[in-house]
Amino acid sequence: MTRSGVPPDSATGHSTSVVWRGRDRFGPRGRRVEAEQLAEVDRDSIPALEWGTTLLGSGGGGPASLAASWLAHSVTEHGPVRLLQAQDLPPRASVLPIGIVGSTQALAEKLPSGAEFRAAADEIGTVVGPPAAVMPMEIAGVNGVAMFAAAASLGFDVVDADLTGRALPRLDQLSIAAAGRSLTPMAFSGAGGLRGLIDGVGAVGLERLVRTMLAGAGGWLAVAFNPIPAGKLQETTIVGSAGHALALGHQWMGRGAGAAGDVLAEGRVEHVMRQDPQTSRRHGAVTVVDDRDGAVLRVEMENEYLLAVRDGVVVAGTPDPLILADRRTGRPVQCDQVRKGMDVACVRLPGFDFWWRSEHVELVGPRAFGLDHEPVRFDAGTV
């Protein structure tokens, strides 16, 4: 895979950088944050963030490009977004997870104005008080970029952590649920002034309730979950995921797929089978014949790429992200975009250690998606 054909970010047209500053910071509540180095996500950082979050989408999570223009506008108007480490905050400082749930197709038709996140943060603030900082619900796909735009509009720093580390489809798969912490109270807000608060509901029940609500909410909602004390982030969240997305984006743009992960196959897509909700076929699949040795790679998928089987042997899969990338441009190919005849590379990226812990892996491993296979962890390690 080469860099030829890799376009600059459509929202900025600029090269990529992460700006580091060694200085003190006063947060929205006047709390002084002292750190030797603070990262800022500025306008020039958007391409790397867009690429990195798209890669962590594992073929899903929605197109990060949807939120790139919003982020560019937000940082131009409000200034760069500071990226804090968990230890930069006092242990009891409240960190608010925010995100978007619902259909990315509906989101593309009606993008957030930013007021939705203000309403959700205000709603939950009436119960638990104002936060010291925010964090993304999901660093993958459109959520990973949109949450920086929301943070800029709200005037909050972002803590370098999230609740998934990759794209995951269900609320009961969030890390705080896996760690045994309640997702509620959860505030929500949508278009047309819709807003409210849900409390006393377990993770599985919340997933069902929110999916039911989406039909009457225009297809998507801004949400804010039960805040997490900064001192509990290490045990309940995917720490370092935002910085990892930025670094991954830089690495992929600069050196290609081989530098970022393990290349499982390179070749033409020979067959694409879509999942069919009208039948019992829950999963789709993509078949690629490897140019290097003729091996056949089958990639199982739902909303994300889930499992890679090479000549009948499972070689990779969730919780590690799997990527299909166009070999000419390097651009990741979403599950709903892959077509027969595409020339692709299939790449496995190392997943976060949080999901490979024995008490967590079954929640996001292949069996959680109806695939009767043990999780396969590559010797290359995790992040």
Protein backbone atom coordinates (compact mmCIF):
# COMPACT_ATOMS: atom_id res chain seq x y z
CA MET A 1 0.00 0.00 0.00
CA THR A 2 1.31 3.40 -0.94
CA ARG A 3 0.52 6.97 0.03
CA SER A 4 -0.34 7.96 -3.53
CA GLY A 5 -3.88 9.21 -3.86
CA VAL A 6 -4.29 9.99 -0.14
CA PRO A 7 -6.25 13.24 -0.10
CA PRO A 8 -5.91 15.98 2.49
CA ASP A 9 -8.79 16.39 4.87
CA SER A 10 -11.73 17.95 3.09
CA ALA A 11 -12.52 20.21 6.02
CA THR A 12 -9.06 21.71 6.35
CA GLY A 13 -6.84 20.93 3.37
CA HIS A 14 -3.95 21.09 5.84
CA SER A 15 -1.20 18.73 6.86
CA THR A 16 -1.45 16.89 10.17
CA SER A 17 -0.02 17.82 13.53
CA VAL A 18 -0.62 17.37 17.21
CA VAL A 19 0.37 20.52 19.06
CA TRP A 20 2.07 20.06 22.43
CA ARG A 21 2.17 22.82 25.00
CA GLY A 22 3.91 22.86 28.38
CA ARG A 23 1.72 25.18 30.39
CA ASP A 24 -0.98 25.40 33.05
CA ARG A 25 -4.63 25.20 32.16
CA PHE A 26 -7.76 26.55 33.80
CA GLY A 27 -10.80 24.41 33.05
CA PRO A 28 -14.41 25.59 32.65
CA ARG A 29 -14.95 25.49 36.41
CA GLY A 30 -11.76 27.40 37.20
CA ARG A 31 -9.90 24.26 38.31
CA ARG A 32 -6.17 24.56 37.68
CA VAL A 33 -4.70 21.60 35.82
CA GLU A 34 -0.96 21.24 36.03
CA ALA A 35 0.89 19.01 33.59
CA GLU A 36 4.27 19.04 31.92
CA GLN A 37 2.70 18.39 28.54
CA LEU A 38 -0.84 18.89 27.32
CA ALA A 39 -1.95 17.87 23.84
CA GLU A 40 -4.18 20.15 21.83
CA VAL A 41 -6.39 18.98 19.02
CA ASP A 42 -6.32 21.92 16.64
CA ARG A 43 -7.43 22.46 13.04
CA ASP A 44 -4.29 20.80 11.66
CA SER A 45 -4.93 17.71 13.80
CA ILE A 46 -8.25 16.89 12.16
CA PRO A 47 -6.95 14.66 9.31
CA ALA A 48 -5.06 12.37 11.70
CA LEU A 49 -8.04 12.21 14.06
CA GLU A 50 -10.39 11.47 11.17
CA TRP A 51 -8.17 8.65 9.86
CA GLY A 52 -7.47 7.19 13.30
CA THR A 53 -11.10 7.14 14.41
CA THR A 54 -12.17 5.65 11.08
CA LEU A 55 -9.62 2.85 11.49
CA LEU A 56 -10.81 2.11 15.02
CA GLY A 57 -14.31 1.85 13.55
CA SER A 58 -13.36 -1.60 12.21
CA GLY A 59 -15.56 -0.97 9.18
CA GLY A 60 -18.33 0.68 11.20
CA GLY A 61 -18.93 3.58 13.55
CA GLY A 62 -20.13 5.85 10.76
CA PRO A 63 -17.94 8.05 8.56
CA ALA A 64 -15.78 10.33 10.70
CA SER A 65 -15.80 12.81 7.81
CA LEU A 66 -19.39 13.68 8.81
CA ALA A 67 -18.07 15.53 11.84
CA ALA A 68 -14.78 16.88 10.42
CA SER A 69 -16.25 20.14 9.15
CA TRP A 70 -18.08 20.67 12.45
CA LEU A 71 -14.82 20.16 14.36
CA ALA A 72 -12.95 22.54 12.04
CA HIS A 73 -15.59 25.20 12.62
CA SER A 74 -15.61 24.61 16.39
CA VAL A 75 -11.86 24.91 16.90
CA THR A 76 -11.74 27.96 14.64
CA GLU A 77 -14.43 29.64 16.68
CA HIS A 78 -13.53 28.42 20.18
CA GLY A 79 -9.85 27.46 19.95
CA PRO A 80 -8.04 24.11 20.21
CA VAL A 81 -9.37 21.36 22.45
CA ARG A 82 -7.02 20.32 25.25
CA LEU A 83 -6.43 16.58 25.66
CA LEU A 84 -5.80 15.73 29.31
CA GLN A 85 -4.50 12.56 30.90
CA ALA A 86 -6.53 11.04 33.73
CA GLN A 87 -3.80 11.84 36.24
CA ASP A 88 -3.96 15.53 35.30
CA LEU A 89 -7.23 15.77 37.24
CA PRO A 90 -7.86 15.29 40.98
CA PRO A 91 -9.11 11.74 41.71
CA ARG A 92 -12.60 12.98 42.59
CA ALA A 93 -12.95 15.27 39.59
CA SER A 94 -16.04 14.32 37.57
CA VAL A 95 -15.54 13.27 33.92
CA LEU A 96 -18.66 13.18 31.75
CA PRO A 97 -18.88 10.61 28.89
CA ILE A 98 -20.77 12.09 25.94
CA GLY A 99 -21.69 10.69 22.55
CA ILE A 100 -24.20 10.06 19.80
CA VAL A 101 -26.39 6.96 19.52
CA GLY A 102 -28.48 5.99 16.53
CA SER A 103 -28.30 5.91 12.76
CA THR A 104 -25.41 7.61 10.98
CA GLN A 105 -27.64 7.86 7.91
CA ALA A 106 -30.11 9.92 9.94
CA LEU A 107 -27.22 11.91 11.36
CA ALA A 108 -25.98 12.73 7.86
CA GLU A 109 -29.40 14.10 6.97
CA LYS A 110 -29.54 16.34 10.04
CA LEU A 111 -26.20 17.11 11.71
CA PRO A 112 -26.03 18.25 15.34
CA SER A 113 -26.11 21.98 16.01
CA GLY A 114 -24.13 21.54 19.24
CA ALA A 115 -27.09 22.62 21.35
CA GLU A 116 -28.02 18.97 21.83
CA PHE A 117 -24.86 18.27 23.83
CA ARG A 118 -25.33 21.40 25.91
CA ALA A 119 -28.87 20.25 26.72
CA ALA A 120 -27.73 16.72 27.65
CA ALA A 121 -24.89 18.05 29.83
CA ASP A 122 -27.24 20.52 31.54
CA GLU A 123 -29.84 17.80 32.09
CA ILE A 124 -27.47 15.41 33.82
CA GLY A 125 -25.84 18.31 35.67
CA THR A 126 -29.11 18.91 37.52
CA VAL A 127 -28.66 15.47 39.12
CA VAL A 128 -24.90 15.03 39.56
CA GLY A 129 -23.49 18.54 39.24
CA PRO A 130 -21.26 20.04 36.53
CA PRO A 131 -18.25 18.01 35.31
CA ALA A 132 -14.59 19.02 35.34
CA ALA A 133 -14.03 17.57 31.84
CA VAL A 134 -15.68 15.39 29.21
CA MET A 135 -14.63 12.22 27.37
CA PRO A 136 -15.91 10.48 24.23
CA MET A 137 -18.36 7.65 24.65
CA GLU A 138 -16.68 6.04 21.61
CA ILE A 139 -13.40 7.09 19.99
CA ALA A 140 -14.31 5.27 16.76
CA GLY A 141 -15.97 6.68 13.66
CA VAL A 142 -18.15 9.76 13.74
CA ASN A 143 -18.33 9.80 17.55
CA GLY A 144 -14.57 10.11 17.88
CA VAL A 145 -14.46 13.37 15.89
CA ALA A 146 -17.83 14.79 16.92
CA MET A 147 -17.03 14.66 20.63
CA PHE A 148 -14.06 16.99 20.18
CA ALA A 149 -16.34 19.40 18.33
CA ALA A 150 -18.90 19.17 21.12
CA ALA A 151 -16.20 19.72 23.75
CA ALA A 152 -14.98 22.84 21.94
CA SER A 153 -18.52 24.22 21.81
CA LEU A 154 -19.12 23.41 25.48
CA GLY A 155 -15.77 24.85 26.58
CA PHE A 156 -14.49 21.65 28.20
CA ASP A 157 -11.19 19.81 28.04
CA VAL A 158 -11.30 16.19 26.82
CA VAL A 159 -9.81 13.37 28.89
CA ASP A 160 -7.75 10.85 26.90
CA ALA A 161 -10.07 7.86 27.35
CA ASP A 162 -13.33 6.44 26.03
CA LEU A 163 -15.76 3.60 26.73
CA THR A 164 -15.07 1.30 23.75
CA GLY A 165 -11.59 1.69 22.21
CA ARG A 166 -13.14 0.67 18.88
CA ALA A 167 -16.61 0.68 17.33
CA LEU A 168 -19.11 -1.42 19.26
CA PRO A 169 -22.83 -1.49 18.47
CA ARG A 170 -24.51 -1.79 21.88
CA LEU A 171 -24.67 0.29 25.06
CA ASP A 172 -24.34 -2.84 27.22
CA GLN A 173 -20.89 -3.31 25.61
CA LEU A 174 -19.51 -0.05 27.04
CA SER A 175 -16.52 -0.46 29.35
CA ILE A 176 -18.27 1.01 32.37
CA ALA A 177 -20.95 -1.67 32.04
CA ALA A 178 -18.25 -4.34 31.72
CA ALA A 179 -16.60 -2.98 34.87
CA GLY A 180 -19.87 -3.17 36.79
CA ARG A 181 -20.56 0.55 36.98
CA SER A 182 -24.03 1.91 36.22
CA LEU A 183 -24.57 3.76 32.92
CA THR A 184 -27.38 5.75 34.49
CA PRO A 185 -28.36 8.41 35.16
CA MET A 186 -28.16 9.05 31.41
CA ALA A 187 -29.36 12.29 29.84
CA PHE A 188 -30.46 12.55 26.23
CA SER A 189 -31.27 15.33 23.82
CA GLY A 190 -32.37 15.46 20.22
CA ALA A 191 -33.61 17.74 17.50
CA GLY A 192 -36.59 19.95 18.19
CA GLY A 193 -35.88 20.42 21.89
CA LEU A 194 -36.39 16.78 22.89
CA ARG A 195 -34.54 16.07 26.15
CA GLY A 196 -34.84 13.93 29.25
CA LEU A 197 -33.17 11.75 31.88
CA ILE A 198 -33.21 7.99 32.41
CA ASP A 199 -32.25 6.44 35.75
CA GLY A 200 -32.44 3.12 37.53
CA VAL A 201 -32.12 1.01 34.36
CA GLY A 202 -29.49 -1.68 33.81
CA ALA A 203 -27.20 -1.76 30.79
CA VAL A 204 -29.21 -4.30 28.76
CA GLY A 205 -32.49 -2.58 29.57
CA LEU A 206 -31.01 0.81 28.67
CA GLU A 207 -29.88 -0.51 25.30
CA ARG A 208 -33.38 -1.73 24.52
CA LEU A 209 -35.05 1.44 25.78
CA VAL A 210 -32.80 3.80 23.81
CA ARG A 211 -33.22 1.81 20.59
CA THR A 212 -36.98 2.06 21.02
CA MET A 213 -36.77 5.81 21.58
CA LEU A 214 -34.69 6.48 18.46
CA ALA A 215 -37.57 5.94 16.05
CA GLY A 216 -39.41 8.90 17.53
CA ALA A 217 -36.30 11.04 17.91
CA GLY A 218 -35.36 11.41 14.25
CA GLY A 219 -32.92 8.50 14.28
CA TRP A 220 -30.25 9.78 16.66
CA LEU A 221 -29.73 11.29 20.11
CA ALA A 222 -26.95 13.09 21.94
CA VAL A 223 -26.32 11.35 25.25
CA ALA A 224 -24.40 11.97 28.48
CA PHE A 225 -23.76 9.08 30.84
CA ASN A 226 -23.22 8.76 34.56
CA PRO A 227 -20.00 10.75 35.25
CA ILE A 228 -16.87 8.89 36.32
CA PRO A 229 -14.41 10.12 38.98
CA ALA A 230 -11.00 10.67 37.38
CA GLY A 231 -9.48 8.27 39.89
CA LYS A 232 -11.70 5.46 38.58
CA LEU A 233 -10.95 5.92 34.87
CA GLN A 234 -8.09 3.42 34.79
CA GLU A 235 -10.32 0.55 35.91
CA THR A 236 -13.53 1.49 34.09
CA THR A 237 -12.53 3.03 30.74
CA ILE A 238 -10.16 2.59 27.80
CA VAL A 239 -7.43 4.98 28.90
CA GLY A 240 -5.24 6.52 26.18
CA SER A 241 -7.64 5.78 23.32
CA ALA A 242 -7.91 9.34 21.96
CA GLY A 243 -4.14 9.78 21.83
CA HIS A 244 -3.91 6.34 20.23
CA ALA A 245 -6.39 7.37 17.51
CA LEU A 246 -4.29 10.44 16.69
CA ALA A 247 -1.05 8.44 16.62
CA LEU A 248 -2.66 5.69 14.54
CA GLY A 249 -3.90 8.25 12.03
CA HIS A 250 -0.43 9.77 11.70
CA GLN A 251 1.15 6.33 11.30
CA TRP A 252 -1.31 5.08 8.68
CA MET A 253 -1.09 8.28 6.64
CA GLY A 254 2.69 8.35 6.78
CA ARG A 255 3.70 4.72 6.38
CA GLY A 256 0.63 2.73 5.43
CA ALA A 257 -1.09 -0.38 6.69
CA GLY A 258 1.96 -2.55 7.26
CA ALA A 259 3.33 -0.13 9.82
CA ALA A 260 0.08 0.10 11.77
CA GLY A 261 -0.93 -3.56 12.02
CA ASP A 262 -0.72 -7.10 10.64
CA VAL A 263 -1.61 -7.53 6.96
CA LEU A 264 -3.75 -10.68 6.72
CA ALA A 265 -4.33 -10.59 2.95
CA GLU A 266 -3.96 -8.35 -0.10
CA GLY A 267 -6.04 -8.87 -3.20
CA ARG A 268 -9.36 -8.58 -4.98
CA VAL A 269 -12.71 -8.92 -3.26
CA GLU A 270 -14.20 -11.99 -4.93
CA HIS A 271 -17.55 -12.12 -3.15
CA VAL A 272 -19.69 -10.01 -0.81
CA MET A 273 -22.64 -11.48 1.07
CA ARG A 274 -24.88 -9.06 2.97
CA GLN A 275 -26.75 -9.85 6.14
CA ASP A 276 -30.48 -10.18 5.57
CA PRO A 277 -32.84 -9.15 8.39
CA GLN A 278 -35.71 -10.87 6.55
CA THR A 279 -34.00 -14.26 6.92
CA SER A 280 -31.94 -16.04 9.54
CA ARG A 281 -28.72 -14.73 7.98
CA ARG A 282 -27.43 -12.46 10.72
CA HIS A 283 -23.92 -11.94 9.35
CA GLY A 284 -22.50 -10.75 6.07
CA ALA A 285 -19.13 -11.81 4.73
CA VAL A 286 -16.37 -10.61 2.41
CA THR A 287 -14.08 -13.03 0.56
CA VAL A 288 -10.61 -11.92 -0.55
CA VAL A 289 -8.06 -14.04 -2.44
CA ASP A 290 -4.55 -13.18 -1.28
CA ASP A 291 -2.29 -12.14 -4.16
CA ARG A 292 0.75 -13.26 -2.22
CA ASP A 293 -0.02 -16.98 -1.91
CA GLY A 294 -3.57 -17.64 -3.15
CA ALA A 295 -5.02 -18.13 0.33
CA VAL A 296 -8.72 -17.36 0.76
CA LEU A 297 -9.62 -14.92 3.53
CA ARG A 298 -13.23 -14.68 4.66
CA VAL A 299 -14.17 -11.69 6.84
CA GLU A 300 -17.43 -11.98 8.79
CA MET A 301 -19.28 -8.72 9.41
CA GLU A 302 -22.38 -7.09 10.88
CA ASN A 303 -22.12 -3.35 11.50
CA GLU A 304 -18.35 -3.90 11.86
CA TYR A 305 -15.82 -6.43 10.58
CA LEU A 306 -15.78 -9.11 13.27
CA LEU A 307 -13.78 -12.20 12.34
CA ALA A 308 -11.12 -13.19 9.79
CA VAL A 309 -10.84 -16.82 8.66
CA ARG A 310 -7.88 -17.74 6.43
CA ASP A 311 -8.14 -21.06 4.58
CA GLY A 312 -10.55 -22.30 7.23
CA VAL A 313 -8.52 -21.15 10.25
CA VAL A 314 -9.58 -18.22 12.43
CA VAL A 315 -6.64 -15.81 12.43
CA ALA A 316 -8.04 -12.60 13.93
CA GLY A 317 -11.19 -11.00 15.24
CA THR A 318 -12.96 -8.84 17.75
CA PRO A 319 -12.01 -7.27 20.15
CA ASP A 320 -9.10 -6.49 17.82
CA PRO A 321 -10.22 -4.09 15.04
CA LEU A 322 -10.19 -5.44 11.48
CA ILE A 323 -9.72 -3.09 8.53
CA LEU A 324 -10.36 -3.45 4.83
CA ALA A 325 -8.46 -0.67 3.07
CA ASP A 326 -8.30 0.39 -0.56
CA ARG A 327 -4.79 -0.54 -1.72
CA ARG A 328 -4.54 2.46 -4.03
CA THR A 329 -5.58 5.23 -1.64
CA GLY A 330 -5.14 3.60 1.76
CA ARG A 331 -8.67 4.67 2.67
CA PRO A 332 -10.56 2.29 5.00
CA VAL A 333 -13.60 0.71 3.36
CA GLN A 334 -16.76 0.62 5.50
CA CYS A 335 -18.83 -2.56 5.75
CA ASP A 336 -21.66 -0.98 3.76
CA GLN A 337 -19.26 0.23 1.06
CA VAL A 338 -17.29 -2.93 0.25
CA ARG A 339 -17.99 -4.27 -3.23
CA LYS A 340 -16.89 -7.16 -5.43
CA GLY A 341 -13.79 -6.31 -7.49
CA MET A 342 -12.25 -3.86 -4.99
CA ASP A 343 -8.50 -4.19 -4.51
CA VAL A 344 -8.02 -4.25 -0.73
CA ALA A 345 -5.70 -5.08 2.10
CA CYS A 346 -7.13 -6.71 5.21
CA VAL A 347 -5.33 -5.52 8.32
CA ARG A 348 -5.64 -6.48 11.94
CA LEU A 349 -4.92 -3.73 14.49
CA PRO A 350 -3.98 -4.52 18.08
CA GLY A 351 -6.91 -4.09 20.46
CA PHE A 352 -6.83 -2.52 23.88
CA ASP A 353 -5.81 -4.69 26.81
CA PHE A 354 -9.00 -3.80 28.71
CA TRP A 355 -11.09 -6.01 26.39
CA TRP A 356 -8.63 -8.90 26.50
CA ARG A 357 -9.01 -9.31 30.27
CA SER A 358 -10.72 -12.61 31.05
CA GLU A 359 -13.63 -10.90 32.80
CA HIS A 360 -14.35 -8.63 29.80
CA VAL A 361 -13.51 -10.46 26.57
CA GLU A 362 -16.73 -12.48 26.27
CA LEU A 363 -18.76 -9.25 26.20
CA VAL A 364 -17.12 -8.16 22.93
CA GLY A 365 -15.60 -11.37 21.56
CA PRO A 366 -16.99 -13.32 18.57
CA ARG A 367 -19.68 -15.12 20.58
CA ALA A 368 -21.17 -11.78 21.63
CA PHE A 369 -22.06 -11.39 17.94
CA GLY A 370 -23.33 -14.92 17.39
CA LEU A 371 -20.07 -16.30 15.97
CA ASP A 372 -19.15 -19.58 17.66
CA HIS A 373 -15.38 -19.08 17.84
CA GLU A 374 -12.89 -18.39 20.59
CA PRO A 375 -11.27 -14.94 20.52
CA VAL A 376 -7.88 -15.04 18.80
CA ARG A 377 -5.22 -12.78 20.26
CA PHE A 378 -2.20 -12.03 18.12
CA ASP A 379 1.27 -12.33 19.62
CA ALA A 380 1.97 -8.78 18.40
CA GLY A 381 0.25 -7.60 21.58
CA THR A 382 -2.26 -4.97 22.54
CA VAL A 383 -2.27 -1.25 23.28
